[in-house]
Amino acid sequence: MAEAPSNPRPATPMDPARAGRLMRLATLASVSVATTLALSKLAAWLLTDSVSLLSTLIDSVLDICASGLAFVAVRQALQPADSEHRFGHGKAESLGGLAEAAFVLGSGAFVLFQAVNRLFFPRMVANPEIGYAVMAFAMTLSLALVIFQKYVARRTGSLAIGAESLNYQNDVLVNISVIVSLFLGAQFGWMLADPLFAIGIAAFIMWGAWRIGRQALDMLMDRELPDGDRQRVEALALACDGVLGVHDIRTRASGPNVFIQLHLELDDDLPLSQAHDIVVAVEEAVEAAYPNAEVLIHPDPKDVVEKRVHFA
């Protein structure tokens, strides 16, 4: 599976209000799917006593917690800035992603413990046909959710939705592996297939937790946007009349919001009013390309910049 990018931003920024609605709908869908899957897997595990199926049940129970956390974090992140949070509440989404990584890591550790125990005390799986049916249902539901989540994450650049999508992509692969382990145990009597597949599932879950956590930390540590975005901002500024150069571009993401700072190099003899008009033109150009961005621009006389660089 391809590695998730750091601080993902939408390829085509969309209206913030619509992005917020999509994000809320995606988190609600995640909670609903996780609850449905947990209940169905609980019934299947009680009837089959499969440790692989137990591993997916535990994962789904933690998915409920993680999806609920994402549900709250996204709604908090979408709150507008106020007098005590002038930069908004976007990092609530990053904190939610970090907590979700902890939930996923915990589920992987539990699955690993159960699987290792079953290696030493193997047991035949009962009623495998029930396990097949439940895993097929879970795989179909998870796949439909992943498709929707990937659409939302691509359009909104949401870290929390991206983490949720990665988690449920893992679930799809886990469900496939459980079906294989049930088949090998029931048809060929390979009792070790069940715990061995569960160990593989645990390793994959914990790998996913590391990726989610790293992505959340990148945003909390104000990692720069991808180089492509920085180059685009520079090109937009240079395309405006009167701009002679651009330097000190700084960017960061905070939940659904983007913060962009840059210095413009302008003619030394420009009146203040004209310099202001150029700054406003650049702000409008950047904000048109990034509707969810807050842009801060500082104008510098061209000669002063050249002298400062010369003596640096």
C-alpha atoms as a PDB file:
ATOM      1  CA  MET A   1       0.000   0.000   0.000  1.00  0.00           C
ATOM      2  CA  ALA A   2       1.283   3.450  -0.860  1.00  0.00           C
ATOM      3  CA  GLU A   3       2.531   5.536   2.019  1.00  0.00           C
ATOM      4  CA  ALA A   4       0.273   8.358   3.118  1.00  0.00           C
ATOM      5  CA  PRO A   5       1.707  11.795   2.381  1.00  0.00           C
ATOM      6  CA  SER A   6       2.516  14.212   5.176  1.00  0.00           C
ATOM      7  CA  ASN A   7       0.069  17.078   5.612  1.00  0.00           C
ATOM      8  CA  PRO A   8      -2.096  16.071   2.640  1.00  0.00           C
ATOM      9  CA  ARG A   9      -3.971  18.933   1.000  1.00  0.00           C
ATOM     10  CA  PRO A  10      -6.751  18.661  -1.576  1.00  0.00           C
ATOM     11  CA  ALA A  11      -5.552  18.708  -5.183  1.00  0.00           C
ATOM     12  CA  THR A  12      -8.462  21.010  -6.026  1.00  0.00           C
ATOM     13  CA  PRO A  13      -9.459  23.080  -2.951  1.00  0.00           C
ATOM     14  CA  MET A  14     -13.208  23.247  -2.453  1.00  0.00           C
ATOM     15  CA  ASP A  15     -15.582  25.570  -0.663  1.00  0.00           C
ATOM     16  CA  PRO A  16     -14.905  25.309   3.115  1.00  0.00           C
ATOM     17  CA  ALA A  17     -18.601  24.995   3.965  1.00  0.00           C
ATOM     18  CA  ARG A  18     -19.069  22.053   1.601  1.00  0.00           C
ATOM     19  CA  ALA A  19     -15.822  20.495   2.822  1.00  0.00           C
ATOM     20  CA  GLY A  20     -17.117  20.700   6.399  1.00  0.00           C
ATOM     21  CA  ARG A  21     -20.361  18.953   5.463  1.00  0.00           C
ATOM     22  CA  LEU A  22     -18.488  16.152   3.723  1.00  0.00           C
ATOM     23  CA  MET A  23     -16.145  15.692   6.686  1.00  0.00           C
ATOM     24  CA  ARG A  24     -19.040  15.496   9.155  1.00  0.00           C
ATOM     25  CA  LEU A  25     -20.853  12.965   6.966  1.00  0.00           C
ATOM     26  CA  ALA A  26     -17.721  10.833   6.604  1.00  0.00           C
ATOM     27  CA  THR A  27     -17.151  10.645  10.379  1.00  0.00           C
ATOM     28  CA  LEU A  28     -20.811   9.747  10.972  1.00  0.00           C
ATOM     29  CA  ALA A  29     -20.544   6.982   8.370  1.00  0.00           C
ATOM     30  CA  SER A  30     -17.408   5.644  10.095  1.00  0.00           C
ATOM     31  CA  VAL A  31     -19.107   5.397  13.483  1.00  0.00           C
ATOM     32  CA  SER A  32     -22.146   3.659  11.953  1.00  0.00           C
ATOM     33  CA  VAL A  33     -20.074   1.133  10.012  1.00  0.00           C
ATOM     34  CA  ALA A  34     -17.772   0.360  12.967  1.00  0.00           C
ATOM     35  CA  THR A  35     -20.753  -0.324  15.244  1.00  0.00           C
ATOM     36  CA  THR A  36     -22.454  -2.566  12.690  1.00  0.00           C
ATOM     37  CA  LEU A  37     -19.264  -4.566  12.078  1.00  0.00           C
ATOM     38  CA  ALA A  38     -18.492  -5.003  15.773  1.00  0.00           C
ATOM     39  CA  LEU A  39     -21.934  -6.460  16.480  1.00  0.00           C
ATOM     40  CA  SER A  40     -21.792  -8.861  13.541  1.00  0.00           C
ATOM     41  CA  LYS A  41     -18.245 -10.018  14.393  1.00  0.00           C
ATOM     42  CA  LEU A  42     -19.160 -10.554  18.037  1.00  0.00           C
ATOM     43  CA  ALA A  43     -21.888 -12.990  17.008  1.00  0.00           C
ATOM     44  CA  ALA A  44     -19.550 -14.737  14.549  1.00  0.00           C
ATOM     45  CA  TRP A  45     -16.724 -15.093  17.079  1.00  0.00           C
ATOM     46  CA  LEU A  46     -19.049 -16.617  19.697  1.00  0.00           C
ATOM     47  CA  LEU A  47     -20.104 -19.225  17.127  1.00  0.00           C
ATOM     48  CA  THR A  48     -16.664 -20.014  15.612  1.00  0.00           C
ATOM     49  CA  ASP A  49     -14.108 -19.402  18.416  1.00  0.00           C
ATOM     50  CA  SER A  50     -11.642 -18.190  15.771  1.00  0.00           C
ATOM     51  CA  VAL A  51      -8.754 -16.098  17.102  1.00  0.00           C
ATOM     52  CA  SER A  52      -8.426 -14.406  13.701  1.00  0.00           C
ATOM     53  CA  LEU A  53     -12.071 -13.429  13.919  1.00  0.00           C
ATOM     54  CA  LEU A  54     -11.548 -12.307  17.514  1.00  0.00           C
ATOM     55  CA  SER A  55      -8.716 -10.096  16.292  1.00  0.00           C
ATOM     56  CA  THR A  56     -11.008  -8.344  13.831  1.00  0.00           C
ATOM     57  CA  LEU A  57     -13.711  -8.029  16.520  1.00  0.00           C
ATOM     58  CA  ILE A  58     -11.266  -6.247  18.848  1.00  0.00           C
ATOM     59  CA  ASP A  59     -10.147  -4.069  15.970  1.00  0.00           C
ATOM     60  CA  SER A  60     -13.769  -3.120  15.223  1.00  0.00           C
ATOM     61  CA  VAL A  61     -14.471  -2.302  18.874  1.00  0.00           C
ATOM     62  CA  LEU A  62     -11.479   0.032  18.904  1.00  0.00           C
ATOM     63  CA  ASP A  63     -12.639   1.385  15.538  1.00  0.00           C
ATOM     64  CA  ILE A  64     -15.814   2.542  17.294  1.00  0.00           C
ATOM     65  CA  CYS A  65     -13.702   4.473  19.807  1.00  0.00           C
ATOM     66  CA  ALA A  66     -11.397   5.843  17.111  1.00  0.00           C
ATOM     67  CA  SER A  67     -14.260   6.807  14.792  1.00  0.00           C
ATOM     68  CA  GLY A  68     -16.108   8.434  17.671  1.00  0.00           C
ATOM     69  CA  LEU A  69     -12.994  10.383  18.520  1.00  0.00           C
ATOM     70  CA  ALA A  70     -12.618  11.460  14.875  1.00  0.00           C
ATOM     71  CA  PHE A  71     -16.292  12.464  14.898  1.00  0.00           C
ATOM     72  CA  VAL A  72     -15.686  14.826  17.837  1.00  0.00           C
ATOM     73  CA  ALA A  73     -12.273  16.034  16.607  1.00  0.00           C
ATOM     74  CA  VAL A  74     -13.540  16.974  13.144  1.00  0.00           C
ATOM     75  CA  ARG A  75     -16.449  18.947  14.569  1.00  0.00           C
ATOM     76  CA  GLN A  76     -14.109  20.752  16.940  1.00  0.00           C
ATOM     77  CA  ALA A  77     -11.612  21.451  14.145  1.00  0.00           C
ATOM     78  CA  LEU A  78     -14.348  22.990  11.994  1.00  0.00           C
ATOM     79  CA  GLN A  79     -15.247  25.547  14.668  1.00  0.00           C
ATOM     80  CA  PRO A  80     -14.331  29.089  13.554  1.00  0.00           C
ATOM     81  CA  ALA A  81     -11.559  31.070  15.215  1.00  0.00           C
ATOM     82  CA  ASP A  82     -12.481  32.932  18.391  1.00  0.00           C
ATOM     83  CA  SER A  83     -10.859  35.421  20.768  1.00  0.00           C
ATOM     84  CA  GLU A  84      -8.934  32.675  22.585  1.00  0.00           C
ATOM     85  CA  HIS A  85      -8.015  30.626  19.494  1.00  0.00           C
ATOM     86  CA  ARG A  86      -7.094  33.179  16.844  1.00  0.00           C
ATOM     87  CA  PHE A  87      -5.695  30.514  14.517  1.00  0.00           C
ATOM     88  CA  GLY A  88      -8.813  28.363  14.766  1.00  0.00           C
ATOM     89  CA  HIS A  89      -9.228  24.877  16.211  1.00  0.00           C
ATOM     90  CA  GLY A  90      -7.719  22.857  13.363  1.00  0.00           C
ATOM     91  CA  LYS A  91      -5.154  21.035  15.491  1.00  0.00           C
ATOM     92  CA  ALA A  92      -7.972  19.217  17.262  1.00  0.00           C
ATOM     93  CA  GLU A  93      -8.054  17.076  14.137  1.00  0.00           C
ATOM     94  CA  SER A  94      -4.339  16.269  14.500  1.00  0.00           C
ATOM     95  CA  LEU A  95      -4.799  15.384  18.164  1.00  0.00           C
ATOM     96  CA  GLY A  96      -7.670  13.106  17.170  1.00  0.00           C
ATOM     97  CA  GLY A  97      -5.449  11.419  14.589  1.00  0.00           C
ATOM     98  CA  LEU A  98      -2.721  10.890  17.178  1.00  0.00           C
ATOM     99  CA  ALA A  99      -5.197   9.371  19.637  1.00  0.00           C
ATOM    100  CA  GLU A 100      -6.568   7.159  16.862  1.00  0.00           C
ATOM    101  CA  ALA A 101      -3.059   5.880  16.205  1.00  0.00           C
ATOM    102  CA  ALA A 102      -2.858   4.901  19.885  1.00  0.00           C
ATOM    103  CA  PHE A 103      -6.168   3.015  19.626  1.00  0.00           C
ATOM    104  CA  VAL A 104      -4.997   1.176  16.515  1.00  0.00           C
ATOM    105  CA  LEU A 105      -1.650   0.317  18.144  1.00  0.00           C
ATOM    106  CA  GLY A 106      -3.474  -1.051  21.190  1.00  0.00           C
ATOM    107  CA  SER A 107      -5.684  -3.255  19.032  1.00  0.00           C
ATOM    108  CA  GLY A 108      -2.626  -4.620  17.238  1.00  0.00           C
ATOM    109  CA  ALA A 109      -0.893  -5.457  20.518  1.00  0.00           C
ATOM    110  CA  PHE A 110      -3.983  -7.274  21.824  1.00  0.00           C
ATOM    111  CA  VAL A 111      -4.344  -9.292  18.632  1.00  0.00           C
ATOM    112  CA  LEU A 112      -0.648 -10.226  18.772  1.00  0.00           C
ATOM    113  CA  PHE A 113      -1.000 -11.456  22.351  1.00  0.00           C
ATOM    114  CA  GLN A 114      -4.042 -13.606  21.512  1.00  0.00           C
ATOM    115  CA  ALA A 115      -2.413 -15.033  18.405  1.00  0.00           C
ATOM    116  CA  VAL A 116       0.833 -16.034  20.158  1.00  0.00           C
ATOM    117  CA  ASN A 117      -1.192 -17.736  22.898  1.00  0.00           C
ATOM    118  CA  ARG A 118      -3.144 -19.710  20.273  1.00  0.00           C
ATOM    119  CA  LEU A 119       0.131 -20.810  18.631  1.00  0.00           C
ATOM    120  CA  PHE A 120       0.994 -22.724  21.796  1.00  0.00           C
ATOM    121  CA  PHE A 121      -2.582 -23.943  22.344  1.00  0.00           C
ATOM    122  CA  PRO A 122      -4.058 -24.492  18.835  1.00  0.00           C
ATOM    123  CA  ARG A 123      -7.762 -25.138  18.469  1.00  0.00           C
ATOM    124  CA  MET A 124      -9.962 -26.087  15.530  1.00  0.00           C
ATOM    125  CA  VAL A 125     -12.323 -23.417  14.215  1.00  0.00           C
ATOM    126  CA  ALA A 126     -16.049 -24.217  14.487  1.00  0.00           C
ATOM    127  CA  ASN A 127     -18.843 -23.194  12.084  1.00  0.00           C
ATOM    128  CA  PRO A 128     -16.490 -21.691   9.455  1.00  0.00           C
ATOM    129  CA  GLU A 129     -19.383 -20.928   7.093  1.00  0.00           C
ATOM    130  CA  ILE A 130     -20.635 -18.317   9.574  1.00  0.00           C
ATOM    131  CA  GLY A 131     -17.191 -16.762   9.621  1.00  0.00           C
ATOM    132  CA  TYR A 132     -17.148 -16.652   5.805  1.00  0.00           C
ATOM    133  CA  ALA A 133     -20.484 -14.874   5.652  1.00  0.00           C
ATOM    134  CA  VAL A 134     -19.665 -12.296   8.318  1.00  0.00           C
ATOM    135  CA  MET A 135     -16.220 -11.539   6.845  1.00  0.00           C
ATOM    136  CA  ALA A 136     -17.686 -11.134   3.359  1.00  0.00           C
ATOM    137  CA  PHE A 137     -20.289  -8.728   4.756  1.00  0.00           C
ATOM    138  CA  ALA A 138     -17.616  -6.817   6.690  1.00  0.00           C
ATOM    139  CA  MET A 139     -15.350  -6.609   3.657  1.00  0.00           C
ATOM    140  CA  THR A 140     -18.127  -5.237   1.436  1.00  0.00           C
ATOM    141  CA  LEU A 141     -19.211  -2.639   3.990  1.00  0.00           C
ATOM    142  CA  SER A 142     -15.622  -1.575   4.745  1.00  0.00           C
ATOM    143  CA  LEU A 143     -14.781  -1.272   1.049  1.00  0.00           C
ATOM    144  CA  ALA A 144     -17.783   0.971   0.412  1.00  0.00           C
ATOM    145  CA  LEU A 145     -16.772   3.169   3.357  1.00  0.00           C
ATOM    146  CA  VAL A 146     -13.140   3.368   2.166  1.00  0.00           C
ATOM    147  CA  ILE A 147     -14.246   4.546  -1.287  1.00  0.00           C
ATOM    148  CA  PHE A 148     -16.313   7.324   0.276  1.00  0.00           C
ATOM    149  CA  GLN A 149     -13.603   8.277   2.787  1.00  0.00           C
ATOM    150  CA  LYS A 150     -10.917   8.477   0.092  1.00  0.00           C
ATOM    151  CA  TYR A 151     -13.177  10.776  -1.931  1.00  0.00           C
ATOM    152  CA  VAL A 152     -13.713  13.046   1.079  1.00  0.00           C
ATOM    153  CA  ALA A 153     -10.025  13.044   2.080  1.00  0.00           C
ATOM    154  CA  ARG A 154      -8.994  13.836  -1.502  1.00  0.00           C
ATOM    155  CA  ARG A 155     -11.437  16.738  -1.772  1.00  0.00           C
ATOM    156  CA  THR A 156     -10.929  18.219   1.700  1.00  0.00           C
ATOM    157  CA  GLY A 157      -7.361  17.252   2.649  1.00  0.00           C
ATOM    158  CA  SER A 158      -8.644  16.119   6.065  1.00  0.00           C
ATOM    159  CA  LEU A 159      -6.032  14.351   8.207  1.00  0.00           C
ATOM    160  CA  ALA A 160      -8.658  12.651  10.386  1.00  0.00           C
ATOM    161  CA  ILE A 161     -10.627  11.313   7.403  1.00  0.00           C
ATOM    162  CA  GLY A 162      -7.393  10.191   5.758  1.00  0.00           C
ATOM    163  CA  ALA A 163      -6.433   8.300   8.918  1.00  0.00           C
ATOM    164  CA  GLU A 164      -9.875   6.732   9.080  1.00  0.00           C
ATOM    165  CA  SER A 165      -9.599   5.667   5.437  1.00  0.00           C
ATOM    166  CA  LEU A 166      -6.203   4.070   6.069  1.00  0.00           C
ATOM    167  CA  ASN A 167      -7.609   2.228   9.067  1.00  0.00           C
ATOM    168  CA  TYR A 168     -10.525   0.781   7.074  1.00  0.00           C
ATOM    169  CA  GLN A 169      -8.262  -0.114   4.154  1.00  0.00           C
ATOM    170  CA  ASN A 170      -6.400  -2.245   6.672  1.00  0.00           C
ATOM    171  CA  ASP A 171      -9.722  -3.771   7.706  1.00  0.00           C
ATOM    172  CA  VAL A 172     -10.483  -4.850   4.127  1.00  0.00           C
ATOM    173  CA  LEU A 173      -7.163  -6.708   3.908  1.00  0.00           C
ATOM    174  CA  VAL A 174      -7.650  -8.152   7.385  1.00  0.00           C
ATOM    175  CA  ASN A 175     -11.069  -9.518   6.428  1.00  0.00           C
ATOM    176  CA  ILE A 176      -9.582 -11.226   3.364  1.00  0.00           C
ATOM    177  CA  SER A 177      -6.859 -12.845   5.481  1.00  0.00           C
ATOM    178  CA  VAL A 178      -9.423 -14.109   8.022  1.00  0.00           C
ATOM    179  CA  ILE A 179     -11.437 -15.776   5.258  1.00  0.00           C
ATOM    180  CA  VAL A 180      -8.259 -17.520   4.030  1.00  0.00           C
ATOM    181  CA  SER A 181      -7.299 -18.660   7.533  1.00  0.00           C
ATOM    182  CA  LEU A 182     -10.803 -20.019   8.176  1.00  0.00           C
ATOM    183  CA  PHE A 183     -10.693 -21.919   4.884  1.00  0.00           C
ATOM    184  CA  LEU A 184      -7.277 -23.457   5.566  1.00  0.00           C
ATOM    185  CA  GLY A 185      -8.316 -24.514   9.056  1.00  0.00           C
ATOM    186  CA  ALA A 186     -11.688 -25.963   8.053  1.00  0.00           C
ATOM    187  CA  GLN A 187     -10.706 -27.659   4.790  1.00  0.00           C
ATOM    188  CA  PHE A 188      -7.172 -28.848   5.518  1.00  0.00           C
ATOM    189  CA  GLY A 189      -7.077 -28.991   9.308  1.00  0.00           C
ATOM    190  CA  TRP A 190      -4.250 -26.436   9.494  1.00  0.00           C
ATOM    191  CA  MET A 191      -4.900 -25.248  13.036  1.00  0.00           C
ATOM    192  CA  LEU A 192      -1.833 -22.998  12.994  1.00  0.00           C
ATOM    193  CA  ALA A 193      -3.179 -21.051  10.006  1.00  0.00           C
ATOM    194  CA  ASP A 194      -5.586 -19.150  12.267  1.00  0.00           C
ATOM    195  CA  PRO A 195      -2.983 -17.773  14.745  1.00  0.00           C
ATOM    196  CA  LEU A 196      -0.327 -17.232  12.050  1.00  0.00           C
ATOM    197  CA  PHE A 197      -2.692 -15.093  10.008  1.00  0.00           C
ATOM    198  CA  ALA A 198      -3.679 -13.247  13.178  1.00  0.00           C
ATOM    199  CA  ILE A 199      -0.003 -12.404  13.814  1.00  0.00           C
ATOM    200  CA  GLY A 200       0.253 -11.023  10.290  1.00  0.00           C
ATOM    201  CA  ILE A 201      -2.901  -8.995  10.911  1.00  0.00           C
ATOM    202  CA  ALA A 202      -1.440  -7.594  14.138  1.00  0.00           C
ATOM    203  CA  ALA A 203       1.787  -6.560  12.415  1.00  0.00           C
ATOM    204  CA  PHE A 204      -0.169  -4.816   9.652  1.00  0.00           C
ATOM    205  CA  ILE A 205      -2.400  -3.008  12.154  1.00  0.00           C
ATOM    206  CA  MET A 206       0.616  -1.743  14.122  1.00  0.00           C
ATOM    207  CA  TRP A 207       2.335  -0.566  10.936  1.00  0.00           C
ATOM    208  CA  GLY A 208      -0.800   1.417  10.087  1.00  0.00           C
ATOM    209  CA  ALA A 209      -0.785   2.947  13.580  1.00  0.00           C
ATOM    210  CA  TRP A 210       2.786   4.180  13.090  1.00  0.00           C
ATOM    211  CA  ARG A 211       1.872   5.825   9.763  1.00  0.00           C
ATOM    212  CA  ILE A 212      -1.197   7.535  11.208  1.00  0.00           C
ATOM    213  CA  GLY A 213       0.742   8.784  14.234  1.00  0.00           C
ATOM    214  CA  ARG A 214       3.606  10.130  12.144  1.00  0.00           C
ATOM    215  CA  GLN A 215       1.200  12.043   9.909  1.00  0.00           C
ATOM    216  CA  ALA A 216      -0.557  13.573  12.928  1.00  0.00           C
ATOM    217  CA  LEU A 217       2.776  14.593  14.478  1.00  0.00           C
ATOM    218  CA  ASP A 218       3.833  16.250  11.218  1.00  0.00           C
ATOM    219  CA  MET A 219       0.820  18.536  11.400  1.00  0.00           C
ATOM    220  CA  LEU A 220       1.200  19.208  15.120  1.00  0.00           C
ATOM    221  CA  MET A 221       4.842  20.155  14.508  1.00  0.00           C
ATOM    222  CA  ASP A 222       3.816  22.589  11.727  1.00  0.00           C
ATOM    223  CA  ARG A 223       5.517  20.711   8.907  1.00  0.00           C
ATOM    224  CA  GLU A 224       5.665  22.648   5.644  1.00  0.00           C
ATOM    225  CA  LEU A 225       3.184  21.926   2.876  1.00  0.00           C
ATOM    226  CA  PRO A 226       4.528  19.838  -0.045  1.00  0.00           C
ATOM    227  CA  ASP A 227       7.024  21.550  -2.369  1.00  0.00           C
ATOM    228  CA  GLY A 228       4.431  21.626  -5.124  1.00  0.00           C
ATOM    229  CA  ASP A 229       2.187  23.877  -3.036  1.00  0.00           C
ATOM    230  CA  ARG A 230       5.043  26.219  -2.140  1.00  0.00           C
ATOM    231  CA  GLN A 231       6.045  26.504  -5.794  1.00  0.00           C
ATOM    232  CA  ARG A 232       2.450  27.217  -6.727  1.00  0.00           C
ATOM    233  CA  VAL A 233       2.189  30.008  -4.157  1.00  0.00           C
ATOM    234  CA  GLU A 234       5.399  31.561  -5.482  1.00  0.00           C
ATOM    235  CA  ALA A 235       4.149  31.367  -9.074  1.00  0.00           C
ATOM    236  CA  LEU A 236       0.837  32.987  -8.142  1.00  0.00           C
ATOM    237  CA  ALA A 237       2.649  35.874  -6.447  1.00  0.00           C
ATOM    238  CA  LEU A 238       5.107  36.427  -9.303  1.00  0.00           C
ATOM    239  CA  ALA A 239       2.246  36.486 -11.804  1.00  0.00           C
ATOM    240  CA  CYS A 240       0.824  39.647 -10.197  1.00  0.00           C
ATOM    241  CA  ASP A 241       1.848  43.001 -11.676  1.00  0.00           C
ATOM    242  CA  GLY A 242       4.462  44.863  -9.675  1.00  0.00           C
ATOM    243  CA  VAL A 243       5.945  41.831  -7.893  1.00  0.00           C
ATOM    244  CA  LEU A 244       9.696  41.671  -8.536  1.00  0.00           C
ATOM    245  CA  GLY A 245      10.463  38.681  -6.344  1.00  0.00           C
ATOM    246  CA  VAL A 246       9.291  36.437  -3.513  1.00  0.00           C
ATOM    247  CA  HIS A 247      11.194  35.091  -0.515  1.00  0.00           C
ATOM    248  CA  ASP A 248      10.703  33.615   2.978  1.00  0.00           C
ATOM    249  CA  ILE A 249       7.656  31.533   2.075  1.00  0.00           C
ATOM    250  CA  ARG A 250       6.338  29.731   5.145  1.00  0.00           C
ATOM    251  CA  THR A 251       3.393  27.347   5.173  1.00  0.00           C
ATOM    252  CA  ARG A 252       1.648  25.038   7.582  1.00  0.00           C
ATOM    253  CA  ALA A 253      -1.620  23.149   7.881  1.00  0.00           C
ATOM    254  CA  SER A 254      -3.955  23.034  10.864  1.00  0.00           C
ATOM    255  CA  GLY A 255      -6.875  20.686  10.340  1.00  0.00           C
ATOM    256  CA  PRO A 256      -8.844  21.939   7.335  1.00  0.00           C
ATOM    257  CA  ASN A 257      -7.044  25.289   7.382  1.00  0.00           C
ATOM    258  CA  VAL A 258      -3.813  26.404   5.698  1.00  0.00           C
ATOM    259  CA  PHE A 259      -1.592  29.281   6.806  1.00  0.00           C
ATOM    260  CA  ILE A 260       0.689  30.920   4.234  1.00  0.00           C
ATOM    261  CA  GLN A 261       3.242  33.662   4.893  1.00  0.00           C
ATOM    262  CA  LEU A 262       5.590  35.288   2.363  1.00  0.00           C
ATOM    263  CA  HIS A 263       7.605  38.415   1.618  1.00  0.00           C
ATOM    264  CA  LEU A 264       7.126  40.329  -1.634  1.00  0.00           C
ATOM    265  CA  GLU A 265       9.944  42.275  -3.276  1.00  0.00           C
ATOM    266  CA  LEU A 266       8.604  45.561  -4.706  1.00  0.00           C
ATOM    267  CA  ASP A 267      10.047  48.626  -6.376  1.00  0.00           C
ATOM    268  CA  ASP A 268      11.742  50.926  -3.854  1.00  0.00           C
ATOM    269  CA  ASP A 269       9.928  54.047  -5.030  1.00  0.00           C
ATOM    270  CA  LEU A 270       6.367  52.720  -4.916  1.00  0.00           C
ATOM    271  CA  PRO A 271       3.914  54.841  -2.890  1.00  0.00           C
ATOM    272  CA  LEU A 272       2.459  53.040   0.125  1.00  0.00           C
ATOM    273  CA  SER A 273      -1.007  52.904  -1.442  1.00  0.00           C
ATOM    274  CA  GLN A 274       0.313  51.164  -4.582  1.00  0.00           C
ATOM    275  CA  ALA A 275       2.353  48.705  -2.536  1.00  0.00           C
ATOM    276  CA  HIS A 276      -0.789  47.945  -0.550  1.00  0.00           C
ATOM    277  CA  ASP A 277      -2.765  47.312  -3.750  1.00  0.00           C
ATOM    278  CA  ILE A 278      -0.139  44.837  -4.964  1.00  0.00           C
ATOM    279  CA  VAL A 279      -0.195  43.004  -1.634  1.00  0.00           C
ATOM    280  CA  VAL A 280      -3.985  42.751  -1.781  1.00  0.00           C
ATOM    281  CA  ALA A 281      -3.815  41.428  -5.366  1.00  0.00           C
ATOM    282  CA  VAL A 282      -1.411  38.684  -4.326  1.00  0.00           C
ATOM    283  CA  GLU A 283      -3.546  37.790  -1.296  1.00  0.00           C
ATOM    284  CA  GLU A 284      -6.622  37.454  -3.496  1.00  0.00           C
ATOM    285  CA  ALA A 285      -4.759  35.291  -6.022  1.00  0.00           C
ATOM    286  CA  VAL A 286      -3.487  32.902  -3.349  1.00  0.00           C
ATOM    287  CA  GLU A 287      -6.825  32.753  -1.521  1.00  0.00           C
ATOM    288  CA  ALA A 288      -8.607  31.966  -4.798  1.00  0.00           C
ATOM    289  CA  ALA A 289      -6.338  28.944  -5.226  1.00  0.00           C
ATOM    290  CA  TYR A 290      -6.582  28.000  -1.515  1.00  0.00           C
ATOM    291  CA  PRO A 291     -10.069  28.967  -0.255  1.00  0.00           C
ATOM    292  CA  ASN A 292      -9.303  27.623   3.237  1.00  0.00           C
ATOM    293  CA  ALA A 293      -6.064  29.607   3.583  1.00  0.00           C
ATOM    294  CA  GLU A 294      -5.134  32.569   5.753  1.00  0.00           C
ATOM    295  CA  VAL A 295      -2.498  34.590   3.883  1.00  0.00           C
ATOM    296  CA  LEU A 296      -0.073  37.017   5.540  1.00  0.00           C
ATOM    297  CA  ILE A 297       2.210  39.098   3.268  1.00  0.00           C
ATOM    298  CA  HIS A 298       5.056  41.462   4.119  1.00  0.00           C
ATOM    299  CA  PRO A 299       6.281  43.893   1.395  1.00  0.00           C
ATOM    300  CA  ASP A 300      10.025  44.614   1.093  1.00  0.00           C
ATOM    301  CA  PRO A 301      11.838  47.193  -1.097  1.00  0.00           C
ATOM    302  CA  LYS A 302      13.834  45.322  -3.750  1.00  0.00           C
ATOM    303  CA  ASP A 303      17.137  47.131  -3.054  1.00  0.00           C
ATOM    304  CA  VAL A 304      16.909  46.479   0.683  1.00  0.00           C
ATOM    305  CA  VAL A 305      16.451  42.756   0.030  1.00  0.00           C
ATOM    306  CA  GLU A 306      19.425  42.648  -2.332  1.00  0.00           C
ATOM    307  CA  LYS A 307      21.660  44.423   0.181  1.00  0.00           C
ATOM    308  CA  ARG A 308      20.578  42.112   2.979  1.00  0.00           C
ATOM    309  CA  VAL A 309      21.301  39.037   0.865  1.00  0.00           C
ATOM    310  CA  HIS A 310      24.649  40.531  -0.218  1.00  0.00           C
ATOM    311  CA  PHE A 311      25.871  41.042   3.328  1.00  0.00           C
ATOM    312  CA  ALA A 312      24.409  37.770   4.661  1.00  0.00           C
END
